[in-house]
């Protein structure tokens, strides 16, 4: 019975190859959803020129684990802007082999939760 099911699956994937491929559209719509690391987001960077400051961990943006839209985390952007200083932060897309370089869609949505 197990051999019959395996054989039918193999025949179906040969006849209908679209059923066998993974859903790669996810990465054409999502820029950031969650960080695998609980302390900082690997695909980020930041720098600040004194007297301004930007909070970082290992030269990367920290991860927030208490306030987020989708569990278990979000990016935390914590800065202090001062006269004569500057700061910048960068979030890059996850890079892997054969990734389609463009995004689908026309809108970029950013959910922000501010603390006083």
Protein backbone atom coordinates (compact mmCIF):
# COMPACT_ATOMS: atom_id res chain seq x y z
CA UNK A 1 0.00 0.00 0.00
CA UNK A 2 2.81 2.43 0.92
CA UNK A 3 4.56 1.69 -2.38
CA UNK A 4 1.34 2.36 -4.28
CA UNK A 5 0.86 5.77 -2.61
CA UNK A 6 4.50 6.71 -3.24
CA UNK A 7 4.21 5.68 -6.87
CA UNK A 8 1.02 7.69 -7.38
CA UNK A 9 2.66 10.75 -5.81
CA UNK A 10 5.68 10.43 -8.13
CA UNK A 11 3.46 10.06 -11.19
CA UNK A 12 1.34 13.07 -10.13
CA UNK A 13 4.40 15.30 -9.65
CA UNK A 14 5.71 14.30 -13.08
CA UNK A 15 2.37 15.01 -14.76
CA UNK A 16 1.69 18.22 -12.80
CA UNK A 17 5.07 19.78 -11.90
CA UNK A 18 3.41 22.97 -10.60
CA UNK A 19 2.14 20.93 -7.65
CA UNK A 20 5.68 19.87 -6.71
CA UNK A 21 7.29 23.30 -6.46
CA UNK A 22 7.36 25.34 -3.28
CA UNK A 23 5.64 28.68 -2.79
CA UNK A 24 8.34 31.25 -3.54
CA UNK A 25 5.86 34.14 -3.79
CA UNK A 26 6.17 34.64 -0.03
CA UNK A 27 9.63 36.19 -0.44
CA UNK A 28 8.34 38.46 -3.25
CA UNK A 29 5.91 40.14 -0.82
CA UNK A 30 7.63 40.14 2.58
CA UNK A 31 10.59 42.34 3.49
CA UNK A 32 10.73 41.45 7.20
CA UNK A 33 8.46 39.24 9.28
CA UNK A 34 10.52 37.85 12.19
CA UNK A 35 14.12 37.44 13.29
CA UNK A 36 15.56 34.00 13.93
CA UNK A 37 17.97 35.52 16.45
CA UNK A 38 16.30 36.78 19.64
CA UNK A 39 18.84 39.59 20.27
CA UNK A 40 19.39 41.28 16.88
CA UNK A 41 18.33 41.03 13.25
CA UNK A 42 21.18 39.62 11.15
CA UNK A 43 20.17 41.38 7.92
CA UNK A 44 20.37 44.88 9.42
CA UNK A 45 22.97 47.49 10.27
CA UNK A 46 23.16 50.96 11.70
CA UNK A 47 25.50 53.75 12.66
CA UNK A 48 25.34 57.07 14.45
CA UNK A 49 27.45 60.23 14.45
CA UNK A 50 27.82 61.85 17.90
CA UNK A 51 26.12 63.48 19.64
CA UNK A 52 23.19 61.48 18.15
CA UNK A 53 22.84 57.82 19.09
CA UNK A 54 21.27 54.62 17.76
CA UNK A 55 20.83 51.53 19.90
CA UNK A 56 22.48 48.43 18.36
CA UNK A 57 23.60 44.92 19.28
CA UNK A 58 26.62 43.52 17.46
CA UNK A 59 26.35 46.45 14.98
CA UNK A 60 22.83 45.33 14.08
CA UNK A 61 19.32 46.50 14.97
CA UNK A 62 17.95 44.94 18.17
CA UNK A 63 14.87 42.73 18.27
CA UNK A 64 11.80 43.48 20.37
CA UNK A 65 10.17 40.46 22.02
CA UNK A 66 7.42 42.12 24.08
CA UNK A 67 5.57 44.34 21.55
CA UNK A 68 5.03 43.00 18.02
CA UNK A 69 2.45 42.53 15.29
CA UNK A 70 3.28 38.89 14.52
CA UNK A 71 4.92 36.68 17.14
CA UNK A 72 7.57 36.11 18.34
CA UNK A 73 9.35 39.42 17.66
CA UNK A 74 9.80 42.69 15.76
CA UNK A 75 12.58 45.16 15.05
CA UNK A 76 13.29 47.80 17.69
CA UNK A 77 14.42 51.21 16.51
CA UNK A 78 15.64 53.29 19.43
CA UNK A 79 17.50 56.53 18.73
CA UNK A 80 18.30 59.98 20.04
CA UNK A 81 18.78 62.77 17.49
CA UNK A 82 20.93 65.74 18.55
CA UNK A 83 22.04 68.91 16.76
CA UNK A 84 25.22 68.27 14.78
CA UNK A 85 24.75 64.49 14.80
CA UNK A 86 23.12 61.94 12.57
CA UNK A 87 22.12 58.29 12.47
CA UNK A 88 21.05 55.75 9.87
CA UNK A 89 19.62 52.24 9.97
CA UNK A 90 19.34 49.65 7.22
CA UNK A 91 17.24 46.50 6.88
CA UNK A 92 18.20 44.17 4.03
CA UNK A 93 16.15 41.35 2.56
CA UNK A 94 17.06 37.77 3.34
CA UNK A 95 19.56 36.71 0.69
CA UNK A 96 19.61 33.16 -0.63
CA UNK A 97 20.46 31.39 -3.86
CA UNK A 98 18.05 31.80 -6.80
CA UNK A 99 16.01 34.46 -5.03
CA UNK A 100 13.98 36.57 -7.44
CA UNK A 101 15.41 40.08 -6.99
CA UNK A 102 12.20 42.13 -7.36
CA UNK A 103 9.19 42.48 -5.10
CA UNK A 104 5.58 42.13 -6.22
CA UNK A 105 3.09 44.82 -5.36
CA UNK A 106 3.12 48.58 -5.13
CA UNK A 107 2.75 49.31 -1.41
CA UNK A 108 5.07 49.11 1.58
CA UNK A 109 3.35 48.81 4.95
CA UNK A 110 5.22 49.50 8.17
CA UNK A 111 3.57 48.90 11.53
CA UNK A 112 5.02 51.14 14.26
CA UNK A 113 4.39 51.02 17.99
CA UNK A 114 5.72 54.11 19.79
CA UNK A 115 6.63 54.32 23.45
CA UNK A 116 6.58 57.62 25.35
